[in-house]
Amino acid sequence: MIKSKNKNMVIATRLTESEYADIMLRIADDIGEQQITLSEYTKQALLNATVVVVDTEVEQYKVFILSKLSNNINQIAKRLNKDKLSNTLNNQTYQFILNELIKTNQAIYTLSTIIRE
């Protein structure tokens, strides 16, 4: 990066009093004396910051999938409660519920893999 001595580009932002006070505390030493200028602090923060860009479509898809998973879990809970109240919880029902939980676990694993990518 070529450094220019002619600094003519300006970046402006608005802060609340609380945000401004927080920044001023960060650039002051233990006795309250300013260690660097606000301009230099801001420039360093901007140039060294890591920015995370969030893809809203992906986030909406994650919410959609998690909603579907939650729905599956609710259906399983309803079935368990129904069978428990009617004393019809047998091995077949147990296997059905176990298979549904395995599917749900696999879906959650798949979603977590997508999230990490």
Foldseek 3Di string as FASTA:
>chain_A
DDDDPDPDDDDDDDDDPVVVVVLQVVQADPVSHGNDDPVVVVVCCVVPDDDDDDDVVLVVVLVVLVVVLVVLVVVLVVVVVVCVVVVNDDPVNVVVSVVSVVVSVVSVVVSVVVVVD
